[in-house]
């Protein structure tokens, strides 16, 4: 089993116009999707198995991202 530090994941996404909300910032649903994908990649790297997200804590952003 890999060490926890071996599960470090860094991804970059280019925010396209179809990812934006009417304010011109990234839509929160897309940001949460990207966070979930990165978390899944780290979980699969750590466990060596397929993983799914069972639940997620509520998320709130006070400023546009």
Protein backbone atom coordinates (compact mmCIF):
# COMPACT_ATOMS: atom_id res chain seq x y z
CA UNK A 1 0.00 0.00 0.00
CA UNK A 2 1.43 3.41 -0.91
CA UNK A 3 2.25 5.98 1.70
CA UNK A 4 -0.27 8.80 2.07
CA UNK A 5 2.19 11.34 0.60
CA UNK A 6 2.32 9.20 -2.56
CA UNK A 7 -1.35 9.99 -3.23
CA UNK A 8 -0.72 13.69 -3.94
CA UNK A 9 -2.70 14.76 -7.00
CA UNK A 10 -2.47 18.06 -8.83
CA UNK A 11 -4.78 18.70 -11.77
CA UNK A 12 -5.42 21.77 -13.86
CA UNK A 13 -8.56 22.56 -15.78
CA UNK A 14 -8.99 25.33 -18.29
CA UNK A 15 -12.26 27.05 -17.55
CA UNK A 16 -14.11 27.36 -20.84
CA UNK A 17 -17.11 29.63 -21.51
CA UNK A 18 -19.51 26.69 -21.04
CA UNK A 19 -18.14 26.22 -17.48
CA UNK A 20 -19.08 29.78 -16.51
CA UNK A 21 -22.19 31.10 -14.81
CA UNK A 22 -23.92 34.38 -15.81
CA UNK A 23 -21.39 36.31 -13.69
CA UNK A 24 -18.50 35.05 -15.80
CA UNK A 25 -16.94 32.91 -13.05
CA UNK A 26 -16.64 29.13 -12.88
CA UNK A 27 -19.96 27.51 -12.03
CA UNK A 28 -19.83 25.98 -8.54
CA UNK A 29 -21.10 22.63 -9.77
CA UNK A 30 -18.15 22.31 -12.13
CA UNK A 31 -15.68 23.22 -9.38
CA UNK A 32 -17.19 20.59 -7.06
CA UNK A 33 -17.05 18.02 -9.88
CA UNK A 34 -13.36 18.73 -10.45
CA UNK A 35 -12.65 18.48 -6.71
CA UNK A 36 -14.48 15.14 -6.59
CA UNK A 37 -12.48 13.82 -9.55
CA UNK A 38 -9.17 14.77 -7.91
CA UNK A 39 -10.29 13.17 -4.64
CA UNK A 40 -11.26 9.99 -6.46
CA UNK A 41 -7.87 9.81 -8.19
CA UNK A 42 -6.08 10.17 -4.84
CA UNK A 43 -8.34 7.56 -3.22
CA UNK A 44 -7.78 5.08 -6.05
CA UNK A 45 -4.03 5.64 -5.93
CA UNK A 46 -4.04 5.04 -2.16
CA UNK A 47 -6.32 1.99 -2.14
CA UNK A 48 -5.35 0.40 -5.45
CA UNK A 49 -9.07 -0.20 -6.01
CA UNK A 50 -11.97 1.54 -7.70
CA UNK A 51 -13.54 4.17 -5.45
CA UNK A 52 -16.73 6.20 -5.44
CA UNK A 53 -17.83 9.22 -3.46
CA UNK A 54 -20.39 8.11 -0.87
CA UNK A 55 -21.15 11.61 0.39
CA UNK A 56 -19.71 15.08 0.62
CA UNK A 57 -19.96 17.76 3.27
CA UNK A 58 -21.87 20.92 2.37
CA UNK A 59 -19.75 23.44 0.51
CA UNK A 60 -20.04 27.20 0.42
CA UNK A 61 -17.87 29.76 -1.33
CA UNK A 62 -18.03 33.32 -0.07
CA UNK A 63 -16.13 34.75 -3.05
CA UNK A 64 -16.21 34.00 -6.78
CA UNK A 65 -13.60 31.50 -7.98
